[in-house]
């Protein structure tokens, strides 16, 4: 995942160092990423690391199913007007990229960002899902600082109450929605000429077709 870069203000490429910002997901993924590449160097086991940004598509729990339910309930807010790129990449394109890299000896020991070249903002993505579902678009917006404080507070309340489920609002979500996820994927495009096969536009159409035909309950 591109989360290993620590949500920089300006997303870079694979030459950027991994950065631990203290969030559990970012920390665990960074440790796993570094361990895999070190194991490749030390043992010779052929390992390639892929770092997708925001994977979406049919059956996506976080960015399609749960987001669709929250939109229908009117619980979705934008952060910073939703102006930053979402770094979307369709699930089939991630799979195709992984298969192509696995068959490429030159990819051994390398890491690749997997991000759709077409840039779409979070606001545009939320609106497309809402329109496709026939529900209201998000109407409320929070500034990044306020949103981060709210995420911290929600996490603290859940910890205090001993709740094991994921809080509705987290610092991780705020980082994703307030910092551009459109990482440089030119290294991948040079290695996998056919990427992307489906693309965001067709991926959105397929996702909405699945989501609107999905049984409720």
C-alpha atoms as a PDB file:
ATOM      1  CA  UNK A   1       0.000   0.000   0.000  1.00  0.00           C
ATOM      2  CA  UNK A   2       1.073   3.592  -0.632  1.00  0.00           C
ATOM      3  CA  UNK A   3       0.224   4.181   3.048  1.00  0.00           C
ATOM      4  CA  UNK A   4       3.833   3.160   3.743  1.00  0.00           C
ATOM      5  CA  UNK A   5       4.948   6.643   2.642  1.00  0.00           C
ATOM      6  CA  UNK A   6       3.195   8.210   5.623  1.00  0.00           C
ATOM      7  CA  UNK A   7       0.647  10.457   3.853  1.00  0.00           C
ATOM      8  CA  UNK A   8       2.985  13.231   2.636  1.00  0.00           C
ATOM      9  CA  UNK A   9       1.545  16.552   1.491  1.00  0.00           C
ATOM     10  CA  UNK A  10       2.962  15.939  -1.977  1.00  0.00           C
ATOM     11  CA  UNK A  11       2.940  12.259  -3.032  1.00  0.00           C
ATOM     12  CA  UNK A  12       6.131  11.057  -4.674  1.00  0.00           C
ATOM     13  CA  UNK A  13       7.444   7.875  -6.220  1.00  0.00           C
ATOM     14  CA  UNK A  14       9.126   4.618  -5.173  1.00  0.00           C
ATOM     15  CA  UNK A  15      12.406   6.371  -4.333  1.00  0.00           C
ATOM     16  CA  UNK A  16      10.762   8.062  -1.330  1.00  0.00           C
ATOM     17  CA  UNK A  17      11.591   6.598   2.065  1.00  0.00           C
ATOM     18  CA  UNK A  18       8.965   4.737   4.051  1.00  0.00           C
ATOM     19  CA  UNK A  19       7.692   6.864   6.936  1.00  0.00           C
ATOM     20  CA  UNK A  20       6.143   5.691  10.198  1.00  0.00           C
ATOM     21  CA  UNK A  21       3.671   8.330  11.401  1.00  0.00           C
ATOM     22  CA  UNK A  22       2.443   6.297  14.359  1.00  0.00           C
ATOM     23  CA  UNK A  23      -0.804   5.003  12.894  1.00  0.00           C
ATOM     24  CA  UNK A  24      -1.201   1.206  13.237  1.00  0.00           C
ATOM     25  CA  UNK A  25      -2.019   0.509   9.573  1.00  0.00           C
ATOM     26  CA  UNK A  26       0.797   2.688   8.255  1.00  0.00           C
ATOM     27  CA  UNK A  27       3.268   1.196  10.735  1.00  0.00           C
ATOM     28  CA  UNK A  28       2.381  -2.469  10.163  1.00  0.00           C
ATOM     29  CA  UNK A  29       2.370  -2.126   6.369  1.00  0.00           C
ATOM     30  CA  UNK A  30       5.709  -0.315   6.400  1.00  0.00           C
ATOM     31  CA  UNK A  31       7.285  -3.030   8.535  1.00  0.00           C
ATOM     32  CA  UNK A  32       5.920  -5.754   6.256  1.00  0.00           C
ATOM     33  CA  UNK A  33       7.066  -3.947   3.109  1.00  0.00           C
ATOM     34  CA  UNK A  34      10.615  -3.489   4.415  1.00  0.00           C
ATOM     35  CA  UNK A  35      10.782  -7.065   5.721  1.00  0.00           C
ATOM     36  CA  UNK A  36       9.740  -8.532   2.365  1.00  0.00           C
ATOM     37  CA  UNK A  37      12.382  -6.624   0.421  1.00  0.00           C
ATOM     38  CA  UNK A  38      15.078  -7.391   2.999  1.00  0.00           C
ATOM     39  CA  UNK A  39      14.186 -11.095   2.861  1.00  0.00           C
ATOM     40  CA  UNK A  40      14.510 -10.954  -0.918  1.00  0.00           C
ATOM     41  CA  UNK A  41      18.004  -9.440  -0.663  1.00  0.00           C
ATOM     42  CA  UNK A  42      19.194 -11.832   2.038  1.00  0.00           C
ATOM     43  CA  UNK A  43      17.759 -15.115   0.729  1.00  0.00           C
ATOM     44  CA  UNK A  44      17.330 -14.602  -2.984  1.00  0.00           C
ATOM     45  CA  UNK A  45      13.650 -15.512  -2.813  1.00  0.00           C
ATOM     46  CA  UNK A  46      12.025 -13.724  -5.779  1.00  0.00           C
ATOM     47  CA  UNK A  47       9.826 -11.053  -4.177  1.00  0.00           C
ATOM     48  CA  UNK A  48       8.194  -8.008  -5.753  1.00  0.00           C
ATOM     49  CA  UNK A  49       6.312  -5.448  -3.662  1.00  0.00           C
ATOM     50  CA  UNK A  50       3.225  -3.708  -5.033  1.00  0.00           C
ATOM     51  CA  UNK A  51       1.902  -0.570  -3.368  1.00  0.00           C
ATOM     52  CA  UNK A  52      -1.664   0.156  -4.526  1.00  0.00           C
ATOM     53  CA  UNK A  53      -3.362   3.365  -3.468  1.00  0.00           C
ATOM     54  CA  UNK A  54      -7.183   3.333  -3.205  1.00  0.00           C
ATOM     55  CA  UNK A  55      -8.501   0.037  -4.583  1.00  0.00           C
ATOM     56  CA  UNK A  56     -12.185   0.072  -5.510  1.00  0.00           C
ATOM     57  CA  UNK A  57     -14.588  -2.204  -7.346  1.00  0.00           C
ATOM     58  CA  UNK A  58     -17.404  -4.680  -6.731  1.00  0.00           C
ATOM     59  CA  UNK A  59     -17.327  -6.170  -3.208  1.00  0.00           C
ATOM     60  CA  UNK A  60     -14.913  -3.525  -1.913  1.00  0.00           C
ATOM     61  CA  UNK A  61     -15.854  -3.367   1.780  1.00  0.00           C
ATOM     62  CA  UNK A  62     -14.467   0.051   2.653  1.00  0.00           C
ATOM     63  CA  UNK A  63     -14.682   2.199  -0.474  1.00  0.00           C
ATOM     64  CA  UNK A  64     -17.867   0.799  -2.034  1.00  0.00           C
ATOM     65  CA  UNK A  65     -20.132  -1.209   0.291  1.00  0.00           C
ATOM     66  CA  UNK A  66     -19.646   0.712   3.545  1.00  0.00           C
ATOM     67  CA  UNK A  67     -19.243   4.040   1.772  1.00  0.00           C
ATOM     68  CA  UNK A  68     -22.465   3.428  -0.147  1.00  0.00           C
ATOM     69  CA  UNK A  69     -24.313   2.624   3.075  1.00  0.00           C
ATOM     70  CA  UNK A  70     -22.953   5.761   4.755  1.00  0.00           C
ATOM     71  CA  UNK A  71     -23.937   7.896   1.759  1.00  0.00           C
ATOM     72  CA  UNK A  72     -27.467   6.492   1.875  1.00  0.00           C
ATOM     73  CA  UNK A  73     -27.639   7.324   5.583  1.00  0.00           C
ATOM     74  CA  UNK A  74     -26.289  10.845   5.048  1.00  0.00           C
ATOM     75  CA  UNK A  75     -23.242  10.214   7.239  1.00  0.00           C
ATOM     76  CA  UNK A  76     -20.492  11.054   4.751  1.00  0.00           C
ATOM     77  CA  UNK A  77     -18.584  14.321   5.087  1.00  0.00           C
ATOM     78  CA  UNK A  78     -15.825  15.686   2.913  1.00  0.00           C
ATOM     79  CA  UNK A  79     -12.548  16.937   4.334  1.00  0.00           C
ATOM     80  CA  UNK A  80     -11.053  20.074   2.851  1.00  0.00           C
ATOM     81  CA  UNK A  81     -13.954  20.104   0.352  1.00  0.00           C
ATOM     82  CA  UNK A  82     -12.815  16.718  -0.963  1.00  0.00           C
ATOM     83  CA  UNK A  83     -10.427  18.522  -3.293  1.00  0.00           C
ATOM     84  CA  UNK A  84      -7.469  16.139  -3.158  1.00  0.00           C
ATOM     85  CA  UNK A  85      -7.038  13.221  -5.610  1.00  0.00           C
ATOM     86  CA  UNK A  86      -8.322   9.881  -4.321  1.00  0.00           C
ATOM     87  CA  UNK A  87      -5.642   7.764  -6.021  1.00  0.00           C
ATOM     88  CA  UNK A  88      -8.230   5.318  -7.316  1.00  0.00           C
ATOM     89  CA  UNK A  89      -7.312   2.068  -9.039  1.00  0.00           C
ATOM     90  CA  UNK A  90      -9.802  -0.585 -10.145  1.00  0.00           C
ATOM     91  CA  UNK A  91      -9.412  -3.981  -8.493  1.00  0.00           C
ATOM     92  CA  UNK A  92      -9.011  -5.909 -11.770  1.00  0.00           C
ATOM     93  CA  UNK A  93      -6.213  -3.556 -12.826  1.00  0.00           C
ATOM     94  CA  UNK A  94      -4.380  -4.224  -9.555  1.00  0.00           C
ATOM     95  CA  UNK A  95      -4.675  -7.972 -10.145  1.00  0.00           C
ATOM     96  CA  UNK A  96      -3.479  -7.694 -13.758  1.00  0.00           C
ATOM     97  CA  UNK A  97      -0.500  -5.572 -12.686  1.00  0.00           C
ATOM     98  CA  UNK A  98       0.474  -8.105 -10.012  1.00  0.00           C
ATOM     99  CA  UNK A  99       0.269 -11.004 -12.473  1.00  0.00           C
ATOM    100  CA  UNK A 100       2.377  -9.141 -15.042  1.00  0.00           C
ATOM    101  CA  UNK A 101       5.015  -8.173 -12.461  1.00  0.00           C
ATOM    102  CA  UNK A 102       5.169 -11.725 -11.106  1.00  0.00           C
ATOM    103  CA  UNK A 103       6.144 -12.932 -14.584  1.00  0.00           C
ATOM    104  CA  UNK A 104       8.796 -10.223 -15.048  1.00  0.00           C
ATOM    105  CA  UNK A 105      12.299 -11.173 -13.755  1.00  0.00           C
ATOM    106  CA  UNK A 106      13.323  -7.503 -13.816  1.00  0.00           C
ATOM    107  CA  UNK A 107      10.680  -6.779 -11.131  1.00  0.00           C
ATOM    108  CA  UNK A 108      12.331  -9.016  -8.521  1.00  0.00           C
ATOM    109  CA  UNK A 109      13.456  -6.985  -5.519  1.00  0.00           C
ATOM    110  CA  UNK A 110      11.603  -3.911  -6.735  1.00  0.00           C
ATOM    111  CA  UNK A 111       8.585  -1.969  -5.446  1.00  0.00           C
ATOM    112  CA  UNK A 112       5.865  -0.490  -7.634  1.00  0.00           C
ATOM    113  CA  UNK A 113       3.149   2.057  -6.913  1.00  0.00           C
ATOM    114  CA  UNK A 114      -0.146   0.944  -8.451  1.00  0.00           C
ATOM    115  CA  UNK A 115      -2.303   3.998  -9.145  1.00  0.00           C
ATOM    116  CA  UNK A 116      -4.588   4.857 -12.065  1.00  0.00           C
ATOM    117  CA  UNK A 117      -3.026   7.647 -14.196  1.00  0.00           C
ATOM    118  CA  UNK A 118      -6.388   9.456 -14.367  1.00  0.00           C
ATOM    119  CA  UNK A 119      -6.778  11.680 -11.317  1.00  0.00           C
ATOM    120  CA  UNK A 120     -10.209  11.893  -9.659  1.00  0.00           C
ATOM    121  CA  UNK A 121     -10.881  13.801  -6.435  1.00  0.00           C
ATOM    122  CA  UNK A 122     -12.640  12.364  -3.422  1.00  0.00           C
ATOM    123  CA  UNK A 123     -15.472  14.837  -4.012  1.00  0.00           C
ATOM    124  CA  UNK A 124     -15.989  13.551  -7.550  1.00  0.00           C
ATOM    125  CA  UNK A 125     -15.868   9.933  -6.380  1.00  0.00           C
ATOM    126  CA  UNK A 126     -18.370  10.494  -3.563  1.00  0.00           C
ATOM    127  CA  UNK A 127     -20.697  12.376  -5.913  1.00  0.00           C
ATOM    128  CA  UNK A 128     -20.533   9.646  -8.569  1.00  0.00           C
ATOM    129  CA  UNK A 129     -21.435   6.977  -6.020  1.00  0.00           C
ATOM    130  CA  UNK A 130     -24.238   9.079  -4.546  1.00  0.00           C
ATOM    131  CA  UNK A 131     -25.699   9.864  -7.955  1.00  0.00           C
ATOM    132  CA  UNK A 132     -25.502   6.223  -8.998  1.00  0.00           C
ATOM    133  CA  UNK A 133     -27.318   5.164  -5.831  1.00  0.00           C
ATOM    134  CA  UNK A 134     -29.898   7.922  -6.164  1.00  0.00           C
ATOM    135  CA  UNK A 135     -29.074   9.438  -2.769  1.00  0.00           C
ATOM    136  CA  UNK A 136     -28.021  12.916  -1.666  1.00  0.00           C
ATOM    137  CA  UNK A 137     -24.446  14.010  -2.218  1.00  0.00           C
ATOM    138  CA  UNK A 138     -22.403  14.826   0.911  1.00  0.00           C
ATOM    139  CA  UNK A 139     -23.428  18.233   2.236  1.00  0.00           C
ATOM    140  CA  UNK A 140     -21.060  18.783   5.143  1.00  0.00           C
ATOM    141  CA  UNK A 141     -17.345  19.497   5.165  1.00  0.00           C
ATOM    142  CA  UNK A 142     -14.656  19.569   7.858  1.00  0.00           C
ATOM    143  CA  UNK A 143     -11.270  21.212   7.821  1.00  0.00           C
ATOM    144  CA  UNK A 144      -8.334  18.764   8.062  1.00  0.00           C
ATOM    145  CA  UNK A 145      -7.254  19.928  11.537  1.00  0.00           C
ATOM    146  CA  UNK A 146     -10.769  19.665  12.974  1.00  0.00           C
ATOM    147  CA  UNK A 147     -11.280  16.289  11.299  1.00  0.00           C
ATOM    148  CA  UNK A 148      -8.011  14.890  12.698  1.00  0.00           C
ATOM    149  CA  UNK A 149      -8.954  16.006  16.213  1.00  0.00           C
ATOM    150  CA  UNK A 150     -12.355  14.363  15.805  1.00  0.00           C
ATOM    151  CA  UNK A 151     -10.719  11.143  14.631  1.00  0.00           C
ATOM    152  CA  UNK A 152      -8.434  11.158  17.682  1.00  0.00           C
ATOM    153  CA  UNK A 153     -11.430  11.743  19.944  1.00  0.00           C
ATOM    154  CA  UNK A 154     -13.470   8.922  18.370  1.00  0.00           C
ATOM    155  CA  UNK A 155     -10.595   6.477  18.752  1.00  0.00           C
ATOM    156  CA  UNK A 156     -10.173   7.506  22.398  1.00  0.00           C
ATOM    157  CA  UNK A 157     -13.873   7.001  23.148  1.00  0.00           C
ATOM    158  CA  UNK A 158     -13.830   3.531  21.605  1.00  0.00           C
ATOM    159  CA  UNK A 159     -10.720   2.597  23.609  1.00  0.00           C
ATOM    160  CA  UNK A 160     -12.229   3.916  26.834  1.00  0.00           C
ATOM    161  CA  UNK A 161     -15.436   1.960  26.294  1.00  0.00           C
ATOM    162  CA  UNK A 162     -13.517  -1.175  25.347  1.00  0.00           C
ATOM    163  CA  UNK A 163     -15.162  -1.359  21.933  1.00  0.00           C
ATOM    164  CA  UNK A 164     -13.364  -3.690  19.522  1.00  0.00           C
ATOM    165  CA  UNK A 165     -15.070  -2.471  16.325  1.00  0.00           C
ATOM    166  CA  UNK A 166     -13.494   0.173  14.121  1.00  0.00           C
ATOM    167  CA  UNK A 167     -14.537   3.736  15.023  1.00  0.00           C
ATOM    168  CA  UNK A 168     -16.769   5.498  12.532  1.00  0.00           C
ATOM    169  CA  UNK A 169     -14.151   8.250  12.198  1.00  0.00           C
ATOM    170  CA  UNK A 170     -10.390   7.658  12.505  1.00  0.00           C
ATOM    171  CA  UNK A 171      -7.133   9.538  12.019  1.00  0.00           C
ATOM    172  CA  UNK A 172      -6.291   7.074   9.255  1.00  0.00           C
ATOM    173  CA  UNK A 173      -9.395   8.011   7.269  1.00  0.00           C
ATOM    174  CA  UNK A 174      -8.630  11.702   7.756  1.00  0.00           C
ATOM    175  CA  UNK A 175      -5.102  11.234   6.393  1.00  0.00           C
ATOM    176  CA  UNK A 176      -6.460   9.430   3.335  1.00  0.00           C
ATOM    177  CA  UNK A 177      -9.156  12.012   2.615  1.00  0.00           C
ATOM    178  CA  UNK A 178      -7.069  15.119   3.278  1.00  0.00           C
ATOM    179  CA  UNK A 179      -3.782  14.201   1.549  1.00  0.00           C
ATOM    180  CA  UNK A 180      -3.439  13.428  -2.157  1.00  0.00           C
ATOM    181  CA  UNK A 181      -3.277   9.693  -2.893  1.00  0.00           C
ATOM    182  CA  UNK A 182      -2.216  10.214  -6.521  1.00  0.00           C
ATOM    183  CA  UNK A 183       1.252   8.703  -6.248  1.00  0.00           C
ATOM    184  CA  UNK A 184       3.609   8.507  -9.208  1.00  0.00           C
ATOM    185  CA  UNK A 185       3.096   5.191 -11.040  1.00  0.00           C
ATOM    186  CA  UNK A 186       5.359   5.746 -14.056  1.00  0.00           C
ATOM    187  CA  UNK A 187       7.656   2.934 -12.934  1.00  0.00           C
ATOM    188  CA  UNK A 188       4.737   0.507 -13.144  1.00  0.00           C
ATOM    189  CA  UNK A 189       3.607   1.859 -16.504  1.00  0.00           C
ATOM    190  CA  UNK A 190       7.109   1.314 -17.890  1.00  0.00           C
ATOM    191  CA  UNK A 191       7.089  -2.303 -16.698  1.00  0.00           C
ATOM    192  CA  UNK A 192       3.443  -3.113 -17.522  1.00  0.00           C
ATOM    193  CA  UNK A 193       2.611  -1.441 -20.833  1.00  0.00           C
ATOM    194  CA  UNK A 194      -1.045  -2.521 -20.763  1.00  0.00           C
ATOM    195  CA  UNK A 195      -1.805  -0.831 -17.418  1.00  0.00           C
ATOM    196  CA  UNK A 196      -4.592   0.013 -16.847  1.00  0.00           C
ATOM    197  CA  UNK A 197      -6.758  -2.475 -18.702  1.00  0.00           C
ATOM    198  CA  UNK A 198     -10.124  -1.337 -17.300  1.00  0.00           C
ATOM    199  CA  UNK A 199      -9.473   2.154 -15.957  1.00  0.00           C
ATOM    200  CA  UNK A 200     -11.409   4.313 -13.532  1.00  0.00           C
ATOM    201  CA  UNK A 201     -14.304   5.287 -15.821  1.00  0.00           C
ATOM    202  CA  UNK A 202     -15.216   1.746 -16.840  1.00  0.00           C
ATOM    203  CA  UNK A 203     -14.426   0.609 -13.304  1.00  0.00           C
ATOM    204  CA  UNK A 204     -16.923   3.117 -11.906  1.00  0.00           C
ATOM    205  CA  UNK A 205     -19.596   1.888 -14.310  1.00  0.00           C
ATOM    206  CA  UNK A 206     -19.002  -1.746 -13.314  1.00  0.00           C
ATOM    207  CA  UNK A 207     -18.929  -0.888  -9.636  1.00  0.00           C
ATOM    208  CA  UNK A 208     -22.198   1.041  -9.727  1.00  0.00           C
ATOM    209  CA  UNK A 209     -23.873  -1.714 -11.753  1.00  0.00           C
ATOM    210  CA  UNK A 210     -22.871  -4.234  -9.093  1.00  0.00           C
ATOM    211  CA  UNK A 211     -23.758  -1.952  -6.188  1.00  0.00           C
ATOM    212  CA  UNK A 212     -27.228  -1.065  -7.440  1.00  0.00           C
ATOM    213  CA  UNK A 213     -28.033  -4.697  -8.230  1.00  0.00           C
ATOM    214  CA  UNK A 214     -26.783  -5.903  -4.833  1.00  0.00           C
ATOM    215  CA  UNK A 215     -29.477  -7.325  -2.535  1.00  0.00           C
ATOM    216  CA  UNK A 216     -30.085  -5.166   0.531  1.00  0.00           C
ATOM    217  CA  UNK A 217     -29.976  -6.803   3.965  1.00  0.00           C
END
